[in-house]
Amino acid sequence: MKLNKTTHPQIPVISFMVGVLLIGCAAHTSPALLPTTVIPTAEPTTSATPTLASAPTASPASHPTHTPASSERTPEARLASYGVVYAYPKSNWSEADRQDIQEHLEYLKGLGIHTIVQVFSSRLIGTGREENWLILLDEAERVNMHVIARLWPLEDWNGQEFDFQPIDSFLAVVQDHPALLAYLGLHEPLEVFDSDQLRDFYLGVKSLAPELPIAHLLGNMAWFERSLRFPNRDFTVGICDICIVWYTPARYLDGEPAFEGDMFQEIVHENRELVEERAPDAQLWVMGQTYTQLQHRHQLRMPTPEEMELMYIIAEQERVDGFLWYPWLHSSYDQVLSDPDMEPQRQAVRHIYESYILEKPSP
C-alpha cells in the first residue's frame, strides 16, 4: 500500500491573533501513554444525529478566539483522513463484543470520523485467539472506516535490539485486512531513540510487511532537531510513512483561558516544510487537542468548539494530509472527548466534517 500525498491548492497562511502572549518556547507537549484498558464514559447510539445519553446542552465557555476568514473549499482541499485516537474502550475483545464494537463505530461514523487509531492487545499472542484481532477490523470495514493499529503493551526497547517477534505475530494476522491503514509503531520515540535507531525500527517493520505504512506519534519533530538535550534527532526519509505531530494550544495562562493559535500554526507549518523537504513521499498528520489536564505544567484545558474549528482550519491551510482528535478515550486526563458533558465538542467534530470535509453534491 503506497501512500500518496493529497494535492492541495495553495491557501495563504493566516495569522491568528488571540489576544494573549505566547508561552515562551514550550513547543513540545507530550500525551501520556495509554493504559491497557480505558473505561468508556459514553454509550454510543446509531441515531442519524449523534448524541450521547445524559449529555447536557450547556453552552461552551467564553474563551479568547479569533474568527477565521471564510474561504471556498474545493475537493482537492479536503484532508485524506479525519479521525480520533484511541477510539474503542477495550484492547482485547471477543465475539461477544462484536455488537458493541459495531454500534460504537457507527456512532463515530455519524460524527464524520472515518479513521481511528486503536490499541490491539499483545496479550493475545500465543493464546490461540489471535483471530479476535480481526473482529474490530471487520466491523471497521463494514462502516468503511480505516484503522491505524497499535500493538500494546510491548517490552521496552533499548534502541539497539528491537524485538520484532510480537509485531511479526500481529501483522501475520492483520496486515492484509482491507480496513488496516497503517501500523502505529512508536509513541513519542524522539524522547528515547535517535534518527539511526528510528530508521532501524522502520526497516525492521518493513521487512515484515513491506507494503504497510508505518506511523509514529512524533510530537514536534522540528523542536527535536534543534534540541541540545536530544542529539541526532534529524528528521530523514525512512522514519515514518505517516508522521503525526501536535501542539496543545488550549491552556490557562495566569489563571485565564488562553488559546495559542499562532504557536499551533507555526509548529504545523514548520513540520510540514520539514516533511516536504526531507521525505516528500511521507504524509504529515496533525493531532488536535481534545483533553483537559490541569496538573500539566501549562494547565491544559478542553478547547471550545470554536477553538477546535480553528485548529482544523489551520491544519487544512497548512496542507496536512490527516487530522486526528486526541483522544476520544483516555483514563489519564481530567476530561476527554467522549465524556458525557463534551457533547458540544463532539458536535464540533461533526460540524467540521460537514463544513470542511464532506463533499457536497453539485447543485
Protein backbone atom coordinates (compact mmCIF):
# COMPACT_ATOMS: atom_id res chain seq x y z
CA MET A 1 0.00 0.00 0.00
CA LYS A 2 1.65 3.20 -1.13
CA LEU A 3 0.60 6.47 0.41
CA ASN A 4 0.24 9.37 -1.95
CA LYS A 5 0.24 12.86 -0.57
CA THR A 6 -3.01 14.75 -1.04
CA THR A 7 -2.79 17.59 -3.53
CA HIS A 8 -3.95 20.89 -2.09
CA PRO A 9 -4.29 24.31 -3.58
CA GLN A 10 -2.02 26.92 -2.08
CA ILE A 11 -4.04 28.73 0.59
CA PRO A 12 -2.49 31.81 2.17
CA VAL A 13 -1.41 31.26 5.76
CA ILE A 14 -3.40 33.45 8.10
CA SER A 15 -2.19 34.75 11.43
CA PHE A 16 -4.39 34.05 14.41
CA MET A 17 -4.07 36.84 16.97
CA VAL A 18 -5.62 35.53 20.14
CA GLY A 19 -5.03 38.46 22.48
CA VAL A 20 -2.64 36.65 24.80
CA LEU A 21 1.13 36.33 25.00
CA LEU A 22 2.52 33.03 23.80
CA ILE A 23 4.10 30.88 26.43
CA GLY A 24 7.77 31.02 25.56
CA CYS A 25 9.15 28.15 23.54
CA ALA A 26 7.00 25.40 25.02
CA ALA A 27 6.97 23.66 21.68
CA HIS A 28 6.75 20.10 22.90
CA THR A 29 3.78 18.74 24.81
CA SER A 30 3.52 15.00 25.31
CA PRO A 31 0.31 13.00 25.61
CA ALA A 32 0.63 10.34 28.28
CA LEU A 33 0.91 6.63 27.45
CA LEU A 34 -2.36 4.78 27.02
CA PRO A 35 -3.25 2.37 29.83
CA THR A 36 -4.08 -1.23 28.99
CA THR A 37 -7.83 -0.70 29.27
CA VAL A 38 -9.79 2.55 29.23
CA ILE A 39 -13.20 2.61 30.89
CA PRO A 40 -15.80 4.03 28.48
CA THR A 41 -17.69 7.07 29.63
CA ALA A 42 -20.32 7.22 26.91
CA GLU A 43 -22.83 4.85 25.38
CA PRO A 44 -22.88 5.03 21.57
CA THR A 45 -26.04 5.35 19.58
CA THR A 46 -26.88 4.77 15.95
CA SER A 47 -29.23 7.72 15.55
CA ALA A 48 -28.88 9.92 12.49
CA THR A 49 -27.88 12.90 14.62
CA PRO A 50 -25.39 11.52 17.14
CA THR A 51 -25.95 12.37 20.79
CA LEU A 52 -24.77 10.73 23.99
CA ALA A 53 -27.12 9.77 26.77
CA SER A 54 -27.44 12.32 29.57
CA ALA A 55 -25.19 14.77 27.79
CA PRO A 56 -26.08 18.33 28.81
CA THR A 57 -26.52 21.05 26.24
CA ALA A 58 -24.66 23.73 28.15
CA SER A 59 -23.16 26.50 26.08
CA PRO A 60 -19.35 26.41 25.78
CA ALA A 61 -17.41 28.78 27.98
CA SER A 62 -16.21 32.04 26.51
CA HIS A 63 -12.51 31.89 25.67
CA PRO A 64 -10.23 34.09 23.60
CA THR A 65 -10.62 33.06 19.99
CA HIS A 66 -10.22 34.52 16.55
CA THR A 67 -12.92 34.32 13.91
CA PRO A 68 -11.31 32.73 10.83
CA ALA A 69 -11.70 34.27 7.43
CA SER A 70 -14.08 32.27 5.29
CA SER A 71 -12.78 30.69 2.11
CA GLU A 72 -14.12 28.47 -0.62
CA ARG A 73 -13.06 24.82 -0.34
CA THR A 74 -12.55 22.60 -3.33
CA PRO A 75 -12.43 18.78 -3.28
CA GLU A 76 -8.63 18.98 -3.54
CA ALA A 77 -8.50 20.89 -0.25
CA ARG A 78 -10.04 18.09 1.80
CA LEU A 79 -7.75 16.12 4.07
CA ALA A 80 -7.14 12.48 3.23
CA SER A 81 -8.06 11.29 6.74
CA TYR A 82 -10.15 12.61 9.63
CA GLY A 83 -10.34 10.67 12.85
CA VAL A 84 -9.89 10.10 16.56
CA VAL A 85 -7.17 8.47 18.65
CA TYR A 86 -7.92 5.55 20.99
CA ALA A 87 -11.44 5.05 19.76
CA TYR A 88 -12.69 1.85 21.42
CA PRO A 89 -12.51 1.30 25.20
CA LYS A 90 -11.00 -2.18 25.03
CA SER A 91 -7.82 -3.53 23.50
CA ASN A 92 -8.84 -7.18 23.90
CA TRP A 93 -12.22 -8.30 22.58
CA SER A 94 -14.12 -11.42 21.51
CA GLU A 95 -17.22 -12.29 19.50
CA ALA A 96 -19.32 -11.25 22.49
CA ASP A 97 -18.14 -7.67 21.91
CA ARG A 98 -18.95 -7.53 18.20
CA GLN A 99 -22.34 -5.83 18.58
CA ASP A 100 -20.89 -3.18 20.91
CA ILE A 101 -17.99 -2.55 18.54
CA GLN A 102 -20.44 -2.21 15.66
CA GLU A 103 -22.58 0.35 17.50
CA HIS A 104 -19.54 2.27 18.71
CA LEU A 105 -18.04 2.59 15.24
CA GLU A 106 -21.40 3.53 13.74
CA TYR A 107 -21.67 6.33 16.30
CA LEU A 108 -18.22 7.64 15.40
CA LYS A 109 -19.07 7.37 11.72
CA GLY A 110 -22.11 9.53 12.40
CA LEU A 111 -19.75 12.24 13.66
CA GLY A 112 -17.85 12.16 10.37
CA ILE A 113 -14.98 10.02 11.64
CA HIS A 114 -13.52 7.71 9.04
CA THR A 115 -10.11 6.91 10.57
CA ILE A 116 -9.36 5.63 14.07
CA VAL A 117 -6.22 4.84 16.00
CA GLN A 118 -6.89 1.72 18.02
CA VAL A 119 -4.89 -0.32 20.52
CA PHE A 120 -4.75 -4.09 19.95
CA SER A 121 -3.71 -6.26 22.89
CA SER A 122 -0.40 -8.08 22.56
CA ARG A 123 -1.59 -10.45 25.29
CA LEU A 124 -3.47 -12.47 22.66
CA ILE A 125 -0.18 -13.68 21.19
CA GLY A 126 0.24 -17.40 21.82
CA THR A 127 -3.28 -17.88 23.17
CA GLY A 128 -4.81 -19.31 20.02
CA ARG A 129 -7.26 -16.39 19.97
CA GLU A 130 -5.25 -14.11 17.69
CA GLU A 131 -8.09 -14.12 15.15
CA ASN A 132 -10.04 -11.93 17.61
CA TRP A 133 -7.94 -9.01 16.40
CA LEU A 134 -9.90 -9.20 13.16
CA ILE A 135 -13.29 -8.56 14.81
CA LEU A 136 -12.76 -4.81 15.14
CA LEU A 137 -11.19 -4.63 11.68
CA ASP A 138 -14.18 -6.46 10.19
CA GLU A 139 -16.61 -4.01 11.78
CA ALA A 140 -14.49 -1.06 10.64
CA GLU A 141 -14.60 -2.37 7.08
CA ARG A 142 -18.37 -2.74 7.31
CA VAL A 143 -18.77 1.01 8.00
CA ASN A 144 -15.98 1.98 5.58
CA MET A 145 -13.60 3.11 8.32
CA HIS A 146 -9.80 2.87 8.32
CA VAL A 147 -7.76 1.69 11.30
CA ILE A 148 -4.24 2.59 12.40
CA ALA A 149 -3.34 -0.26 14.73
CA ARG A 150 -1.10 -0.05 17.76
CA LEU A 151 0.05 -3.34 19.33
CA TRP A 152 0.44 -2.82 23.07
CA PRO A 153 1.93 -3.45 25.55
CA LEU A 154 5.37 -4.31 24.25
CA GLU A 155 8.61 -4.80 26.12
CA ASP A 156 10.76 -1.70 26.43
CA TRP A 157 13.38 -1.48 23.73
CA ASN A 158 16.92 -0.29 24.35
CA GLY A 159 17.18 1.22 20.89
CA GLN A 160 19.74 -1.33 19.74
CA GLU A 161 17.88 -4.63 19.81
CA PHE A 162 14.27 -4.20 18.78
CA ASP A 163 12.25 -7.35 19.38
CA PHE A 164 10.04 -7.61 16.30
CA GLN A 165 8.58 -11.03 17.14
CA PRO A 166 5.33 -9.69 18.70
CA ILE A 167 4.83 -7.32 15.76
CA ASP A 168 5.50 -10.19 13.36
CA SER A 169 2.84 -12.30 15.10
CA PHE A 170 0.36 -9.42 14.93
CA LEU A 171 1.00 -8.44 11.31
CA ALA A 172 0.85 -12.07 10.16
CA VAL A 173 -2.83 -11.99 11.15
CA VAL A 174 -3.93 -8.45 10.28
CA GLN A 175 -1.67 -6.96 7.60
CA ASP A 176 -3.84 -7.95 4.63
CA HIS A 177 -7.11 -6.75 6.12
CA PRO A 178 -8.69 -4.06 3.91
CA ALA A 179 -9.58 -1.86 6.92
CA LEU A 180 -5.98 -1.66 8.15
CA LEU A 181 -4.46 1.64 7.03
CA ALA A 182 -1.15 1.61 8.91
CA TYR A 183 0.78 0.24 11.86
CA LEU A 184 1.39 2.70 14.70
CA GLY A 185 4.94 1.87 15.64
CA LEU A 186 6.21 4.16 18.39
CA HIS A 187 4.74 6.65 20.84
CA GLU A 188 6.92 9.75 21.29
CA PRO A 189 10.04 7.92 20.09
CA LEU A 190 12.18 11.06 19.78
CA GLU A 191 12.43 11.21 23.56
CA VAL A 192 14.10 7.78 23.53
CA PHE A 193 15.59 6.94 20.12
CA ASP A 194 17.82 8.84 17.74
CA SER A 195 17.40 9.00 13.97
CA ASP A 196 19.57 5.95 13.27
CA GLN A 197 17.55 3.83 15.68
CA LEU A 198 14.27 5.01 14.21
CA ARG A 199 15.44 4.08 10.72
CA ASP A 200 16.42 0.63 12.05
CA PHE A 201 12.95 0.22 13.50
CA TYR A 202 11.33 1.32 10.25
CA LEU A 203 13.36 -1.17 8.22
CA GLY A 204 12.60 -3.94 10.70
CA VAL A 205 8.83 -3.50 10.40
CA LYS A 206 9.05 -3.06 6.62
CA SER A 207 10.82 -6.42 6.43
CA LEU A 208 7.67 -7.97 7.93
CA ALA A 209 5.10 -6.02 5.91
CA PRO A 210 6.74 -4.12 3.04
CA GLU A 211 3.51 -2.54 1.76
CA LEU A 212 2.06 -1.48 5.11
CA PRO A 213 2.60 2.20 6.04
CA ILE A 214 4.27 2.91 9.38
CA ALA A 215 3.02 5.74 11.58
CA HIS A 216 4.64 7.33 14.64
CA LEU A 217 3.28 9.79 17.20
CA LEU A 218 6.29 12.09 16.93
CA GLY A 219 5.29 15.31 18.71
CA ASN A 220 7.16 18.33 17.37
CA MET A 221 9.87 16.99 15.05
CA ALA A 222 11.30 20.42 14.30
CA TRP A 223 11.78 21.13 18.00
CA PHE A 224 13.73 17.90 18.50
CA GLU A 225 16.04 18.80 15.62
CA ARG A 226 17.06 21.98 17.45
CA SER A 227 17.29 20.42 20.89
CA LEU A 228 20.70 20.08 22.54
CA ARG A 229 19.19 17.71 25.06
CA PHE A 230 18.25 15.17 22.37
CA PRO A 231 21.15 14.89 19.89
CA ASN A 232 20.95 13.22 16.46
CA ARG A 233 17.21 13.75 16.04
CA ASP A 234 17.37 14.90 12.44
CA PHE A 235 14.25 14.01 10.50
CA THR A 236 15.01 11.97 7.38
CA VAL A 237 13.36 9.69 4.88
CA GLY A 238 12.85 6.15 6.18
CA ILE A 239 11.49 7.07 9.63
CA CYS A 240 7.74 7.20 9.04
CA ASP A 241 5.19 6.99 6.25
CA ILE A 242 2.62 8.81 8.39
CA CYS A 243 4.34 11.37 10.61
CA ILE A 244 2.00 12.64 13.33
CA VAL A 245 2.72 15.93 15.12
CA TRP A 246 0.84 18.04 17.67
CA TYR A 247 0.74 21.03 19.95
CA THR A 248 -1.75 21.76 22.74
CA PRO A 249 -2.94 25.37 22.34
CA ALA A 250 -5.86 25.44 24.83
CA ARG A 251 -4.38 26.38 28.22
CA TYR A 252 -4.68 28.59 31.25
CA LEU A 253 -2.26 31.50 31.45
CA ASP A 254 -2.11 33.22 34.83
CA GLY A 255 -5.45 31.65 35.64
CA GLU A 256 -7.13 32.92 32.48
CA PRO A 257 -8.09 30.76 29.46
CA ALA A 258 -5.73 31.23 26.53
CA PHE A 259 -5.65 29.76 23.04
CA GLU A 260 -2.24 29.75 21.34
CA GLY A 261 -3.40 29.57 17.75
CA ASP A 262 -0.28 31.32 16.44
CA MET A 263 2.01 28.77 18.07
CA PHE A 264 -0.13 25.89 16.81
CA GLN A 265 0.10 27.22 13.25
CA GLU A 266 3.84 27.87 13.50
CA ILE A 267 4.54 24.31 14.63
CA VAL A 268 2.34 22.72 11.97
CA HIS A 269 3.90 24.94 9.29
CA GLU A 270 7.46 24.16 10.38
CA ASN A 271 6.89 20.41 10.42
CA ARG A 272 5.07 20.44 7.09
CA GLU A 273 8.08 22.12 5.48
CA LEU A 274 10.36 19.56 7.11
CA VAL A 275 8.43 16.61 5.67
CA GLU A 276 8.12 18.18 2.22
CA GLU A 277 11.86 18.84 2.09
CA ARG A 278 13.22 15.62 3.61
CA ALA A 279 10.60 12.92 2.92
CA PRO A 280 8.21 14.14 0.21
CA ASP A 281 6.53 10.73 -0.15
CA ALA A 282 5.57 10.69 3.54
CA GLN A 283 2.39 12.19 4.95
CA LEU A 284 2.13 14.77 7.72
CA TRP A 285 -0.82 14.38 10.09
CA VAL A 286 -1.80 16.64 12.98
CA MET A 287 -3.44 15.77 16.28
CA GLY A 288 -5.89 18.34 17.63
CA GLN A 289 -6.24 18.68 21.39
CA THR A 290 -9.45 17.39 22.98
CA TYR A 291 -8.48 16.88 26.61
CA THR A 292 -8.04 18.68 29.92
CA GLN A 293 -5.03 18.09 32.14
CA LEU A 294 -4.93 20.71 34.86
CA GLN A 295 -1.91 19.13 36.59
CA HIS A 296 0.17 19.68 33.46
CA ARG A 297 2.70 22.49 33.80
CA HIS A 298 0.67 24.51 31.26
CA GLN A 299 -2.71 23.68 32.85
CA LEU A 300 -4.22 22.29 29.68
CA ARG A 301 -7.96 22.79 29.24
CA MET A 302 -10.59 21.43 26.89
CA PRO A 303 -10.85 23.68 23.82
CA THR A 304 -14.18 25.21 22.91
CA PRO A 305 -15.95 24.09 19.72
CA GLU A 306 -14.81 27.34 18.08
CA GLU A 307 -11.19 26.65 19.00
CA MET A 308 -11.47 23.12 17.66
CA GLU A 309 -12.62 24.57 14.36
CA LEU A 310 -9.62 26.93 14.36
CA MET A 311 -7.23 24.01 14.87
CA TYR A 312 -8.74 22.17 11.93
CA ILE A 313 -8.69 25.26 9.67
CA ILE A 314 -5.03 25.86 10.48
CA ALA A 315 -4.18 22.25 9.62
CA GLU A 316 -6.09 22.46 6.36
CA GLN A 317 -4.43 25.71 5.38
CA GLU A 318 -1.05 24.16 6.10
CA ARG A 319 -1.92 21.39 3.64
CA VAL A 320 -1.51 18.46 6.01
CA ASP A 321 -2.73 15.02 4.95
CA GLY A 322 -4.66 13.89 8.01
CA PHE A 323 -6.22 15.24 11.20
CA LEU A 324 -6.88 13.28 14.40
CA TRP A 325 -8.63 14.41 17.59
CA TYR A 326 -6.64 13.29 20.63
CA PRO A 327 -8.09 11.48 22.47
CA TRP A 328 -11.57 10.01 22.28
CA LEU A 329 -10.94 7.84 25.35
CA HIS A 330 -8.13 8.01 27.90
CA SER A 331 -8.07 7.47 31.65
CA SER A 332 -5.10 9.75 32.34
CA TYR A 333 -6.83 13.07 31.71
CA ASP A 334 -9.40 15.14 33.59
CA GLN A 335 -11.67 15.39 30.54
CA VAL A 336 -11.70 13.73 27.13
CA LEU A 337 -13.87 13.97 24.04
CA SER A 338 -16.13 11.03 24.94
CA ASP A 339 -17.15 12.42 28.36
CA PRO A 340 -20.94 12.98 28.64
CA ASP A 341 -20.57 16.75 29.12
CA MET A 342 -18.46 17.10 25.98
CA GLU A 343 -21.48 16.99 23.66
CA PRO A 344 -20.71 20.49 22.25
CA GLN A 345 -17.20 19.34 21.37
CA ARG A 346 -18.48 16.15 19.76
CA GLN A 347 -20.91 18.13 17.67
CA ALA A 348 -17.97 20.34 16.68
CA VAL A 349 -16.29 17.20 15.29
CA ARG A 350 -19.38 16.58 13.20
CA HIS A 351 -19.74 20.24 12.19
CA ILE A 352 -16.13 20.36 10.97
CA TYR A 353 -16.65 17.22 8.92
CA GLU A 354 -19.83 18.56 7.32
CA SER A 355 -18.44 22.06 6.75
CA TYR A 356 -14.91 21.36 5.52
CA ILE A 357 -14.53 17.69 4.58
CA LEU A 358 -17.80 16.26 3.30
CA GLU A 359 -18.03 16.62 -0.43
CA LYS A 360 -21.30 18.33 -1.11
CA PRO A 361 -23.26 17.31 -4.22
CA SER A 362 -23.30 19.83 -7.05
CA PRO A 363 -26.48 21.99 -7.12
